[in-house]
């Protein structure tokens, strides 16, 4: 169990990350450490104590974003349901998060092209690909997906398609409705996994 001082430190850090997120949103992708401190109601030096630099604070914000992102995607696998039915609902939840998370357009949009975000995203993307691969292999074991499909390649293609589609949607002045993007991506997923049309689920 964390000691009182450790709990206080964790609470303060969480407050600073929240303030940095607010500052990033207000600055449309940029902020100053002094703005972070003012929003958190702390001295100008405290954010440097916790993060070391502006880059460190930004990394903490992006990590927190991907923690929330991963929690939505990494839902328990219910093997009692048909693979396509379960995974269509997961895709809906996935895109629902991206469309309602305030930081998603910033992190996956213009900031996604920066070296700092790209590096953090690469690690998280590898985690998602690993999850998707295990998920596809479970579908193969259940007989819902053909054994001829390479689970690793399919997983990489699916995760890449969803990430790029979301990034493109956020760059578009008039992004597609979540239902339209879900339907289009589900078509790509079905194709990547060789699912017959009758096994695909329409929104």
C-alpha atoms as a PDB file:
ATOM      1  CA  UNK A   1       0.000   0.000   0.000  1.00  0.00           C
ATOM      2  CA  UNK A   2       1.441   3.427  -0.954  1.00  0.00           C
ATOM      3  CA  UNK A   3       2.592   5.617   1.891  1.00  0.00           C
ATOM      4  CA  UNK A   4       0.830   8.980   2.487  1.00  0.00           C
ATOM      5  CA  UNK A   5       3.690  10.897   0.890  1.00  0.00           C
ATOM      6  CA  UNK A   6       3.621   8.621  -2.163  1.00  0.00           C
ATOM      7  CA  UNK A   7      -0.135   9.003  -2.486  1.00  0.00           C
ATOM      8  CA  UNK A   8       0.215  12.793  -2.289  1.00  0.00           C
ATOM      9  CA  UNK A   9       2.901  12.711  -4.970  1.00  0.00           C
ATOM     10  CA  UNK A  10       0.724  10.559  -7.244  1.00  0.00           C
ATOM     11  CA  UNK A  11      -2.244  12.895  -6.710  1.00  0.00           C
ATOM     12  CA  UNK A  12      -0.141  15.951  -7.494  1.00  0.00           C
ATOM     13  CA  UNK A  13       1.272  14.342 -10.629  1.00  0.00           C
ATOM     14  CA  UNK A  14      -2.207  13.401 -11.829  1.00  0.00           C
ATOM     15  CA  UNK A  15      -3.344  17.005 -11.245  1.00  0.00           C
ATOM     16  CA  UNK A  16      -0.379  18.291 -13.232  1.00  0.00           C
ATOM     17  CA  UNK A  17      -1.079  15.875 -16.104  1.00  0.00           C
ATOM     18  CA  UNK A  18      -4.722  17.009 -16.161  1.00  0.00           C
ATOM     19  CA  UNK A  19      -3.606  20.660 -16.184  1.00  0.00           C
ATOM     20  CA  UNK A  20      -1.141  19.943 -19.000  1.00  0.00           C
ATOM     21  CA  UNK A  21      -3.943  18.282 -20.986  1.00  0.00           C
ATOM     22  CA  UNK A  22      -6.143  21.341 -20.517  1.00  0.00           C
ATOM     23  CA  UNK A  23      -3.304  23.653 -21.529  1.00  0.00           C
ATOM     24  CA  UNK A  24      -2.599  21.513 -24.610  1.00  0.00           C
ATOM     25  CA  UNK A  25      -6.238  21.696 -25.651  1.00  0.00           C
ATOM     26  CA  UNK A  26      -6.412  25.435 -25.061  1.00  0.00           C
ATOM     27  CA  UNK A  27      -3.225  25.945 -27.062  1.00  0.00           C
ATOM     28  CA  UNK A  28      -4.437  23.668 -29.882  1.00  0.00           C
ATOM     29  CA  UNK A  29      -1.420  21.413 -29.602  1.00  0.00           C
ATOM     30  CA  UNK A  30       1.036  23.574 -27.681  1.00  0.00           C
ATOM     31  CA  UNK A  31       1.463  25.010 -24.199  1.00  0.00           C
ATOM     32  CA  UNK A  32       4.002  26.604 -21.885  1.00  0.00           C
ATOM     33  CA  UNK A  33       5.028  25.197 -18.526  1.00  0.00           C
ATOM     34  CA  UNK A  34       3.940  28.422 -16.838  1.00  0.00           C
ATOM     35  CA  UNK A  35       0.420  27.908 -18.215  1.00  0.00           C
ATOM     36  CA  UNK A  36       0.425  24.378 -16.830  1.00  0.00           C
ATOM     37  CA  UNK A  37       1.453  25.666 -13.400  1.00  0.00           C
ATOM     38  CA  UNK A  38      -1.250  28.333 -13.367  1.00  0.00           C
ATOM     39  CA  UNK A  39      -3.941  25.858 -14.329  1.00  0.00           C
ATOM     40  CA  UNK A  40      -2.794  23.448 -11.609  1.00  0.00           C
ATOM     41  CA  UNK A  41      -2.473  26.237  -9.055  1.00  0.00           C
ATOM     42  CA  UNK A  42       1.157  25.424  -8.233  1.00  0.00           C
ATOM     43  CA  UNK A  43       4.513  27.173  -8.384  1.00  0.00           C
ATOM     44  CA  UNK A  44       6.243  27.493 -11.759  1.00  0.00           C
ATOM     45  CA  UNK A  45       8.973  25.124 -10.614  1.00  0.00           C
ATOM     46  CA  UNK A  46       6.787  22.191  -9.554  1.00  0.00           C
ATOM     47  CA  UNK A  47       6.015  20.896 -13.075  1.00  0.00           C
ATOM     48  CA  UNK A  48       9.763  20.790 -13.760  1.00  0.00           C
ATOM     49  CA  UNK A  49      10.232  18.785 -10.571  1.00  0.00           C
ATOM     50  CA  UNK A  50       7.785  16.139 -11.795  1.00  0.00           C
ATOM     51  CA  UNK A  51       8.453  16.136 -15.545  1.00  0.00           C
ATOM     52  CA  UNK A  52      11.888  17.662 -15.995  1.00  0.00           C
ATOM     53  CA  UNK A  53      10.919  19.625 -19.079  1.00  0.00           C
ATOM     54  CA  UNK A  54       8.060  20.577 -21.357  1.00  0.00           C
ATOM     55  CA  UNK A  55       8.818  17.480 -23.429  1.00  0.00           C
ATOM     56  CA  UNK A  56       8.475  15.365 -20.294  1.00  0.00           C
ATOM     57  CA  UNK A  57       5.112  16.923 -19.467  1.00  0.00           C
ATOM     58  CA  UNK A  58       3.930  16.334 -23.027  1.00  0.00           C
ATOM     59  CA  UNK A  59       5.037  12.707 -22.860  1.00  0.00           C
ATOM     60  CA  UNK A  60       3.030  12.267 -19.649  1.00  0.00           C
ATOM     61  CA  UNK A  61      -0.081  13.691 -21.332  1.00  0.00           C
ATOM     62  CA  UNK A  62       0.320  11.432 -24.366  1.00  0.00           C
ATOM     63  CA  UNK A  63       0.947   8.388 -22.182  1.00  0.00           C
ATOM     64  CA  UNK A  64      -2.218   9.131 -20.202  1.00  0.00           C
ATOM     65  CA  UNK A  65      -4.152   9.460 -23.463  1.00  0.00           C
ATOM     66  CA  UNK A  66      -2.920   6.076 -24.677  1.00  0.00           C
ATOM     67  CA  UNK A  67      -3.700   4.511 -21.299  1.00  0.00           C
ATOM     68  CA  UNK A  68      -7.340   5.541 -21.781  1.00  0.00           C
ATOM     69  CA  UNK A  69      -7.218   4.452 -25.425  1.00  0.00           C
ATOM     70  CA  UNK A  70      -5.792   1.028 -24.556  1.00  0.00           C
ATOM     71  CA  UNK A  71      -8.327   0.479 -21.758  1.00  0.00           C
ATOM     72  CA  UNK A  72     -11.160   0.809 -24.293  1.00  0.00           C
ATOM     73  CA  UNK A  73      -9.554  -1.458 -26.875  1.00  0.00           C
ATOM     74  CA  UNK A  74      -8.322  -4.076 -24.400  1.00  0.00           C
ATOM     75  CA  UNK A  75     -11.747  -5.317 -23.376  1.00  0.00           C
ATOM     76  CA  UNK A  76     -12.130  -8.892 -22.083  1.00  0.00           C
ATOM     77  CA  UNK A  77     -12.554 -11.447 -24.844  1.00  0.00           C
ATOM     78  CA  UNK A  78     -15.892 -13.231 -24.572  1.00  0.00           C
ATOM     79  CA  UNK A  79     -15.327 -16.512 -26.348  1.00  0.00           C
ATOM     80  CA  UNK A  80     -18.986 -17.495 -26.066  1.00  0.00           C
ATOM     81  CA  UNK A  81     -20.015 -14.976 -28.754  1.00  0.00           C
ATOM     82  CA  UNK A  82     -19.317 -15.140 -32.486  1.00  0.00           C
ATOM     83  CA  UNK A  83     -16.024 -13.404 -33.290  1.00  0.00           C
ATOM     84  CA  UNK A  84     -17.503 -10.986 -35.830  1.00  0.00           C
ATOM     85  CA  UNK A  85     -20.312  -9.877 -33.527  1.00  0.00           C
ATOM     86  CA  UNK A  86     -17.993  -9.225 -30.604  1.00  0.00           C
ATOM     87  CA  UNK A  87     -15.335  -7.458 -32.647  1.00  0.00           C
ATOM     88  CA  UNK A  88     -17.792  -5.197 -34.445  1.00  0.00           C
ATOM     89  CA  UNK A  89     -18.904  -3.946 -31.028  1.00  0.00           C
ATOM     90  CA  UNK A  90     -15.263  -3.464 -30.022  1.00  0.00           C
ATOM     91  CA  UNK A  91     -14.689  -1.396 -33.167  1.00  0.00           C
ATOM     92  CA  UNK A  92     -17.712   0.738 -32.307  1.00  0.00           C
ATOM     93  CA  UNK A  93     -16.343   1.335 -28.795  1.00  0.00           C
ATOM     94  CA  UNK A  94     -12.889   2.061 -30.188  1.00  0.00           C
ATOM     95  CA  UNK A  95     -14.106   4.715 -32.606  1.00  0.00           C
ATOM     96  CA  UNK A  96     -16.616   6.015 -30.067  1.00  0.00           C
ATOM     97  CA  UNK A  97     -13.691   6.763 -27.743  1.00  0.00           C
ATOM     98  CA  UNK A  98     -11.695   8.510 -30.460  1.00  0.00           C
ATOM     99  CA  UNK A  99     -14.648  10.687 -31.468  1.00  0.00           C
ATOM    100  CA  UNK A 100     -15.424  11.753 -27.896  1.00  0.00           C
ATOM    101  CA  UNK A 101     -11.916  12.026 -26.411  1.00  0.00           C
ATOM    102  CA  UNK A 102     -10.954  15.742 -26.556  1.00  0.00           C
ATOM    103  CA  UNK A 103      -7.250  15.027 -27.070  1.00  0.00           C
ATOM    104  CA  UNK A 104      -7.710  12.529 -29.909  1.00  0.00           C
ATOM    105  CA  UNK A 105      -7.794  15.112 -32.743  1.00  0.00           C
ATOM    106  CA  UNK A 106      -4.593  16.676 -31.408  1.00  0.00           C
ATOM    107  CA  UNK A 107      -2.606  13.527 -30.588  1.00  0.00           C
ATOM    108  CA  UNK A 108      -3.702  11.536 -33.647  1.00  0.00           C
ATOM    109  CA  UNK A 109      -3.909  14.574 -35.923  1.00  0.00           C
ATOM    110  CA  UNK A 110      -1.174  17.154 -36.394  1.00  0.00           C
ATOM    111  CA  UNK A 111       0.828  16.092 -33.321  1.00  0.00           C
ATOM    112  CA  UNK A 112       0.900  12.529 -34.584  1.00  0.00           C
ATOM    113  CA  UNK A 113       3.483  13.586 -37.164  1.00  0.00           C
ATOM    114  CA  UNK A 114       5.985  14.813 -34.573  1.00  0.00           C
ATOM    115  CA  UNK A 115       8.930  12.603 -33.608  1.00  0.00           C
ATOM    116  CA  UNK A 116       7.970  12.587 -29.928  1.00  0.00           C
ATOM    117  CA  UNK A 117       4.406  11.395 -30.484  1.00  0.00           C
ATOM    118  CA  UNK A 118       5.454   8.969 -33.208  1.00  0.00           C
ATOM    119  CA  UNK A 119       7.931   7.305 -30.848  1.00  0.00           C
ATOM    120  CA  UNK A 120       5.396   6.848 -28.068  1.00  0.00           C
ATOM    121  CA  UNK A 121       2.740   5.744 -30.532  1.00  0.00           C
ATOM    122  CA  UNK A 122       5.052   3.090 -31.973  1.00  0.00           C
ATOM    123  CA  UNK A 123       5.329   1.345 -28.606  1.00  0.00           C
ATOM    124  CA  UNK A 124       1.591   1.457 -28.001  1.00  0.00           C
ATOM    125  CA  UNK A 125       0.866   0.322 -31.550  1.00  0.00           C
ATOM    126  CA  UNK A 126       3.039  -2.751 -31.001  1.00  0.00           C
ATOM    127  CA  UNK A 127       0.963  -3.536 -27.891  1.00  0.00           C
ATOM    128  CA  UNK A 128      -2.267  -3.210 -29.861  1.00  0.00           C
ATOM    129  CA  UNK A 129      -0.943  -5.387 -32.677  1.00  0.00           C
ATOM    130  CA  UNK A 130      -0.033  -8.066 -30.139  1.00  0.00           C
ATOM    131  CA  UNK A 131      -3.534  -7.919 -28.676  1.00  0.00           C
ATOM    132  CA  UNK A 132      -5.119  -8.067 -32.133  1.00  0.00           C
ATOM    133  CA  UNK A 133      -2.960 -11.027 -33.106  1.00  0.00           C
ATOM    134  CA  UNK A 134      -4.005 -13.026 -30.033  1.00  0.00           C
ATOM    135  CA  UNK A 135      -7.605 -12.066 -30.703  1.00  0.00           C
ATOM    136  CA  UNK A 136      -7.449 -13.263 -34.312  1.00  0.00           C
ATOM    137  CA  UNK A 137      -5.803 -16.515 -33.230  1.00  0.00           C
ATOM    138  CA  UNK A 138      -8.686 -17.093 -30.809  1.00  0.00           C
ATOM    139  CA  UNK A 139     -11.079 -16.558 -33.711  1.00  0.00           C
ATOM    140  CA  UNK A 140      -9.139 -19.139 -35.706  1.00  0.00           C
ATOM    141  CA  UNK A 141      -9.252 -21.619 -32.836  1.00  0.00           C
ATOM    142  CA  UNK A 142     -13.017 -21.157 -32.636  1.00  0.00           C
ATOM    143  CA  UNK A 143     -13.359 -21.734 -36.364  1.00  0.00           C
ATOM    144  CA  UNK A 144     -14.636 -18.210 -37.072  1.00  0.00           C
ATOM    145  CA  UNK A 145     -11.537 -17.222 -39.068  1.00  0.00           C
ATOM    146  CA  UNK A 146      -9.658 -19.320 -41.609  1.00  0.00           C
ATOM    147  CA  UNK A 147      -6.353 -20.846 -40.482  1.00  0.00           C
ATOM    148  CA  UNK A 148      -4.875 -19.731 -43.807  1.00  0.00           C
ATOM    149  CA  UNK A 149      -4.862 -16.125 -42.563  1.00  0.00           C
ATOM    150  CA  UNK A 150      -1.535 -14.963 -41.104  1.00  0.00           C
ATOM    151  CA  UNK A 151      -2.690 -13.544 -37.762  1.00  0.00           C
ATOM    152  CA  UNK A 152       0.336 -11.269 -37.348  1.00  0.00           C
ATOM    153  CA  UNK A 153       0.074  -9.665 -40.774  1.00  0.00           C
ATOM    154  CA  UNK A 154      -3.683  -9.271 -40.470  1.00  0.00           C
ATOM    155  CA  UNK A 155      -3.350  -7.711 -37.024  1.00  0.00           C
ATOM    156  CA  UNK A 156      -0.775  -5.172 -38.241  1.00  0.00           C
ATOM    157  CA  UNK A 157      -2.952  -4.290 -41.233  1.00  0.00           C
ATOM    158  CA  UNK A 158      -6.062  -3.797 -39.096  1.00  0.00           C
ATOM    159  CA  UNK A 159      -4.377  -1.699 -36.394  1.00  0.00           C
ATOM    160  CA  UNK A 160      -2.637   0.395 -39.034  1.00  0.00           C
ATOM    161  CA  UNK A 161      -5.854   0.947 -40.961  1.00  0.00           C
ATOM    162  CA  UNK A 162      -7.779   2.081 -37.885  1.00  0.00           C
ATOM    163  CA  UNK A 163      -5.020   4.451 -36.778  1.00  0.00           C
ATOM    164  CA  UNK A 164      -4.551   5.988 -40.204  1.00  0.00           C
ATOM    165  CA  UNK A 165      -8.287   6.277 -40.791  1.00  0.00           C
ATOM    166  CA  UNK A 166      -8.777   8.074 -37.482  1.00  0.00           C
ATOM    167  CA  UNK A 167      -5.867  10.412 -38.227  1.00  0.00           C
ATOM    168  CA  UNK A 168      -7.271  11.201 -41.664  1.00  0.00           C
ATOM    169  CA  UNK A 169     -10.744  11.775 -40.245  1.00  0.00           C
ATOM    170  CA  UNK A 170      -9.453  14.289 -37.706  1.00  0.00           C
ATOM    171  CA  UNK A 171      -7.535  16.163 -40.410  1.00  0.00           C
ATOM    172  CA  UNK A 172     -10.704  16.464 -42.509  1.00  0.00           C
ATOM    173  CA  UNK A 173     -12.664  19.718 -41.927  1.00  0.00           C
ATOM    174  CA  UNK A 174     -15.809  17.596 -42.222  1.00  0.00           C
ATOM    175  CA  UNK A 175     -14.943  14.211 -40.701  1.00  0.00           C
ATOM    176  CA  UNK A 176     -17.226  11.249 -41.469  1.00  0.00           C
ATOM    177  CA  UNK A 177     -19.842  10.274 -38.927  1.00  0.00           C
ATOM    178  CA  UNK A 178     -18.710   7.528 -36.517  1.00  0.00           C
ATOM    179  CA  UNK A 179     -21.240   5.095 -37.995  1.00  0.00           C
ATOM    180  CA  UNK A 180     -19.936   5.693 -41.521  1.00  0.00           C
ATOM    181  CA  UNK A 181     -16.308   5.220 -40.478  1.00  0.00           C
ATOM    182  CA  UNK A 182     -17.233   2.103 -38.491  1.00  0.00           C
ATOM    183  CA  UNK A 183     -18.940   0.582 -41.524  1.00  0.00           C
ATOM    184  CA  UNK A 184     -16.018   1.362 -43.817  1.00  0.00           C
ATOM    185  CA  UNK A 185     -13.422   0.000 -41.424  1.00  0.00           C
ATOM    186  CA  UNK A 186     -15.458  -3.109 -40.731  1.00  0.00           C
ATOM    187  CA  UNK A 187     -15.446  -3.777 -44.461  1.00  0.00           C
ATOM    188  CA  UNK A 188     -11.641  -3.554 -44.439  1.00  0.00           C
ATOM    189  CA  UNK A 189     -11.377  -5.835 -41.406  1.00  0.00           C
ATOM    190  CA  UNK A 190     -13.692  -8.397 -42.990  1.00  0.00           C
ATOM    191  CA  UNK A 191     -11.602  -8.341 -46.146  1.00  0.00           C
ATOM    192  CA  UNK A 192      -8.307  -8.689 -44.257  1.00  0.00           C
ATOM    193  CA  UNK A 193      -9.623 -11.736 -42.415  1.00  0.00           C
ATOM    194  CA  UNK A 194     -11.376 -13.320 -45.350  1.00  0.00           C
ATOM    195  CA  UNK A 195     -14.760 -13.224 -43.629  1.00  0.00           C
ATOM    196  CA  UNK A 196     -17.621 -14.118 -45.964  1.00  0.00           C
ATOM    197  CA  UNK A 197     -20.097 -11.318 -46.574  1.00  0.00           C
ATOM    198  CA  UNK A 198     -22.760 -13.226 -44.638  1.00  0.00           C
ATOM    199  CA  UNK A 199     -20.484 -13.144 -41.559  1.00  0.00           C
ATOM    200  CA  UNK A 200     -19.994  -9.393 -41.709  1.00  0.00           C
ATOM    201  CA  UNK A 201     -22.205  -7.250 -39.558  1.00  0.00           C
ATOM    202  CA  UNK A 202     -23.823  -4.097 -40.822  1.00  0.00           C
ATOM    203  CA  UNK A 203     -24.156  -1.138 -38.425  1.00  0.00           C
END
